[in-house]
Amino acid sequence: MKVVIVMVVSNSDRPSILIAMPTGVTEVPDAIKTLTLGIEEEQIPFDFINVDKSTPVERAYDAAVGSRLSVGISFDDHNVVVHYKNLKPDDPLFNVPLGDVEQNRIVGANAARLVKGVPFKL
């Protein structure tokens, strides 16, 4: 299965989870493509934005604050971070290693479940 995601920089007020890409990154890594499948399975929209911060925790927090759904995601080469705007900026909800396909999908689903207010997947 080949997944193609075109990066869309959010400039609308559409309620969505914001996925913060480091400035200058234009291609979505495969692990994040899998993560977005988990979000889509929960039927929550998402958009990509570029955020000029040095760490994924900072980017995820900025994305959460900018999201009408209050959830932001970011990543680096090793980890994915899910943040909620009501948490302390340096204390994300999830900061987990990028894992296998199924683990990445679950992280995306759990970000969407945070929006929906339903229990997380294990």
C-alpha atoms as a PDB file:
ATOM      1  CA  MET A   1       0.000   0.000   0.000  1.00  0.00           C
ATOM      2  CA  LYS A   2       1.412   3.373  -1.006  1.00  0.00           C
ATOM      3  CA  VAL A   3       0.284   6.411   0.953  1.00  0.00           C
ATOM      4  CA  VAL A   4       0.674   9.807  -0.640  1.00  0.00           C
ATOM      5  CA  ILE A   5       0.174  12.890   1.480  1.00  0.00           C
ATOM      6  CA  VAL A   6       0.507  16.346   0.100  1.00  0.00           C
ATOM      7  CA  MET A   7       1.624  18.825   2.718  1.00  0.00           C
ATOM      8  CA  VAL A   8      -0.981  21.507   3.186  1.00  0.00           C
ATOM      9  CA  VAL A   9      -0.070  24.564   5.170  1.00  0.00           C
ATOM     10  CA  SER A  10      -3.120  25.418   7.208  1.00  0.00           C
ATOM     11  CA  ASN A  11      -4.361  28.914   6.588  1.00  0.00           C
ATOM     12  CA  SER A  12      -8.000  28.280   7.343  1.00  0.00           C
ATOM     13  CA  ASP A  13      -9.982  28.266  10.514  1.00  0.00           C
ATOM     14  CA  ARG A  14     -11.034  24.676   9.928  1.00  0.00           C
ATOM     15  CA  PRO A  15     -11.015  22.665  13.158  1.00  0.00           C
ATOM     16  CA  SER A  16      -8.155  20.187  12.814  1.00  0.00           C
ATOM     17  CA  ILE A  17      -5.228  18.611  14.591  1.00  0.00           C
ATOM     18  CA  LEU A  18      -2.140  20.540  13.520  1.00  0.00           C
ATOM     19  CA  ILE A  19       1.010  18.598  12.676  1.00  0.00           C
ATOM     20  CA  ALA A  20       4.008  20.882  13.017  1.00  0.00           C
ATOM     21  CA  MET A  21       6.782  20.311  10.519  1.00  0.00           C
ATOM     22  CA  PRO A  22      10.210  21.830  11.174  1.00  0.00           C
ATOM     23  CA  THR A  23      10.850  24.876   9.015  1.00  0.00           C
ATOM     24  CA  GLY A  24      12.382  23.803   5.737  1.00  0.00           C
ATOM     25  CA  VAL A  25      10.978  20.266   5.829  1.00  0.00           C
ATOM     26  CA  THR A  26       8.704  19.741   2.845  1.00  0.00           C
ATOM     27  CA  GLU A  27       8.335  15.973   2.665  1.00  0.00           C
ATOM     28  CA  VAL A  28       6.313  14.027   5.191  1.00  0.00           C
ATOM     29  CA  PRO A  29       8.299  11.075   6.595  1.00  0.00           C
ATOM     30  CA  ASP A  30       6.743   7.621   6.166  1.00  0.00           C
ATOM     31  CA  ALA A  31       6.292   7.195   9.933  1.00  0.00           C
ATOM     32  CA  ILE A  32       4.186  10.362  10.057  1.00  0.00           C
ATOM     33  CA  LYS A  33       2.162   9.235   7.045  1.00  0.00           C
ATOM     34  CA  THR A  34       1.259   6.131   9.031  1.00  0.00           C
ATOM     35  CA  LEU A  35       0.404   8.279  12.045  1.00  0.00           C
ATOM     36  CA  THR A  36      -2.020  10.312   9.925  1.00  0.00           C
ATOM     37  CA  LEU A  37      -3.829   7.103   8.961  1.00  0.00           C
ATOM     38  CA  GLY A  38      -4.633   6.623  12.653  1.00  0.00           C
ATOM     39  CA  ILE A  39      -6.045  10.155  12.806  1.00  0.00           C
ATOM     40  CA  GLU A  40      -8.132   9.546   9.695  1.00  0.00           C
ATOM     41  CA  GLU A  41      -9.495   6.269  11.099  1.00  0.00           C
ATOM     42  CA  GLU A  42     -10.942   8.286  13.976  1.00  0.00           C
ATOM     43  CA  GLN A  43     -12.433  10.737  11.440  1.00  0.00           C
ATOM     44  CA  ILE A  44     -10.680  13.833  12.749  1.00  0.00           C
ATOM     45  CA  PRO A  45      -9.202  16.284  10.229  1.00  0.00           C
ATOM     46  CA  PHE A  46      -5.545  17.298  10.322  1.00  0.00           C
ATOM     47  CA  ASP A  47      -3.379  19.896   8.618  1.00  0.00           C
ATOM     48  CA  PHE A  48       0.368  20.358   8.318  1.00  0.00           C
ATOM     49  CA  ILE A  49       2.026  23.624   9.319  1.00  0.00           C
ATOM     50  CA  ASN A  50       5.629  24.788   9.480  1.00  0.00           C
ATOM     51  CA  VAL A  51       6.821  25.935  12.907  1.00  0.00           C
ATOM     52  CA  ASP A  52      10.182  27.586  13.485  1.00  0.00           C
ATOM     53  CA  LYS A  53      11.102  26.044  16.837  1.00  0.00           C
ATOM     54  CA  SER A  54      14.100  23.855  17.604  1.00  0.00           C
ATOM     55  CA  THR A  55      12.475  20.934  19.443  1.00  0.00           C
ATOM     56  CA  PRO A  56       9.469  18.759  18.638  1.00  0.00           C
ATOM     57  CA  VAL A  57       7.998  19.518  22.090  1.00  0.00           C
ATOM     58  CA  GLU A  58       8.034  23.259  21.343  1.00  0.00           C
ATOM     59  CA  ARG A  59       6.597  22.704  17.855  1.00  0.00           C
ATOM     60  CA  ALA A  60       3.860  20.393  19.140  1.00  0.00           C
ATOM     61  CA  TYR A  61       2.865  22.886  21.844  1.00  0.00           C
ATOM     62  CA  ASP A  62       2.698  25.757  19.360  1.00  0.00           C
ATOM     63  CA  ALA A  63       0.593  23.567  17.072  1.00  0.00           C
ATOM     64  CA  ALA A  64      -1.752  22.666  19.949  1.00  0.00           C
ATOM     65  CA  VAL A  65      -2.207  26.321  20.862  1.00  0.00           C
ATOM     66  CA  GLY A  66      -2.914  27.155  17.206  1.00  0.00           C
ATOM     67  CA  SER A  67      -5.335  24.273  16.684  1.00  0.00           C
ATOM     68  CA  ARG A  68      -9.063  24.859  17.124  1.00  0.00           C
ATOM     69  CA  LEU A  69      -9.142  21.294  18.470  1.00  0.00           C
ATOM     70  CA  SER A  70      -6.335  22.073  20.974  1.00  0.00           C
ATOM     71  CA  VAL A  71      -4.136  19.158  19.829  1.00  0.00           C
ATOM     72  CA  GLY A  72      -0.755  19.458  18.135  1.00  0.00           C
ATOM     73  CA  ILE A  73       1.749  16.897  16.935  1.00  0.00           C
ATOM     74  CA  SER A  74       5.393  17.197  15.971  1.00  0.00           C
ATOM     75  CA  PHE A  75       8.368  14.923  15.469  1.00  0.00           C
ATOM     76  CA  ASP A  76      12.069  14.622  14.918  1.00  0.00           C
ATOM     77  CA  ASP A  77      14.141  11.744  13.565  1.00  0.00           C
ATOM     78  CA  HIS A  78      13.479   9.578  16.614  1.00  0.00           C
ATOM     79  CA  ASN A  79      10.332  10.680  18.465  1.00  0.00           C
ATOM     80  CA  VAL A  80       6.798  11.860  17.942  1.00  0.00           C
ATOM     81  CA  VAL A  81       5.194  14.306  20.361  1.00  0.00           C
ATOM     82  CA  VAL A  82       1.480  14.815  20.974  1.00  0.00           C
ATOM     83  CA  HIS A  83       0.617  17.953  22.944  1.00  0.00           C
ATOM     84  CA  TYR A  84      -2.562  19.466  24.356  1.00  0.00           C
ATOM     85  CA  LYS A  85      -2.872  23.222  24.746  1.00  0.00           C
ATOM     86  CA  ASN A  86      -3.931  23.059  28.420  1.00  0.00           C
ATOM     87  CA  LEU A  87      -0.749  21.254  29.449  1.00  0.00           C
ATOM     88  CA  LYS A  88       2.471  22.974  30.456  1.00  0.00           C
ATOM     89  CA  PRO A  89       4.547  23.836  27.350  1.00  0.00           C
ATOM     90  CA  ASP A  90       7.386  21.494  28.360  1.00  0.00           C
ATOM     91  CA  ASP A  91       5.133  18.594  29.461  1.00  0.00           C
ATOM     92  CA  PRO A  92       3.477  16.937  26.425  1.00  0.00           C
ATOM     93  CA  LEU A  93       0.840  14.229  26.673  1.00  0.00           C
ATOM     94  CA  PHE A  94       2.928  11.739  24.651  1.00  0.00           C
ATOM     95  CA  ASN A  95       6.603  11.815  23.737  1.00  0.00           C
ATOM     96  CA  VAL A  96       7.253   8.375  22.273  1.00  0.00           C
ATOM     97  CA  PRO A  97       9.815   6.811  19.961  1.00  0.00           C
ATOM     98  CA  LEU A  98       8.786   6.489  16.357  1.00  0.00           C
ATOM     99  CA  GLY A  99       7.879   2.853  16.199  1.00  0.00           C
ATOM    100  CA  ASP A 100       6.622   0.306  13.789  1.00  0.00           C
ATOM    101  CA  VAL A 101       3.688   0.932  11.494  1.00  0.00           C
ATOM    102  CA  GLU A 102       1.067  -0.227  13.995  1.00  0.00           C
ATOM    103  CA  GLN A 103       2.515   1.806  16.884  1.00  0.00           C
ATOM    104  CA  ASN A 104       2.625   4.967  14.762  1.00  0.00           C
ATOM    105  CA  ARG A 105      -0.988   4.435  13.714  1.00  0.00           C
ATOM    106  CA  ILE A 106      -2.025   4.033  17.362  1.00  0.00           C
ATOM    107  CA  VAL A 107      -0.293   7.294  18.328  1.00  0.00           C
ATOM    108  CA  GLY A 108      -2.267   9.084  15.599  1.00  0.00           C
ATOM    109  CA  ALA A 109      -5.497   7.430  16.680  1.00  0.00           C
ATOM    110  CA  ASN A 110      -4.851   8.453  20.292  1.00  0.00           C
ATOM    111  CA  ALA A 111      -4.272  12.076  19.287  1.00  0.00           C
ATOM    112  CA  ALA A 112      -7.662  11.983  17.561  1.00  0.00           C
ATOM    113  CA  ARG A 113      -9.250  10.221  20.541  1.00  0.00           C
ATOM    114  CA  LEU A 114      -8.025  13.070  22.737  1.00  0.00           C
ATOM    115  CA  VAL A 115     -10.139  15.384  20.584  1.00  0.00           C
ATOM    116  CA  LYS A 116     -13.115  13.046  20.794  1.00  0.00           C
ATOM    117  CA  GLY A 117     -12.802  12.513  24.542  1.00  0.00           C
ATOM    118  CA  VAL A 118     -12.779   8.714  24.314  1.00  0.00           C
ATOM    119  CA  PRO A 119     -10.339   6.238  25.907  1.00  0.00           C
ATOM    120  CA  PHE A 120      -6.948   5.750  24.297  1.00  0.00           C
ATOM    121  CA  LYS A 121      -5.912   2.612  22.475  1.00  0.00           C
ATOM    122  CA  LEU A 122      -3.187   0.576  24.172  1.00  0.00           C
END
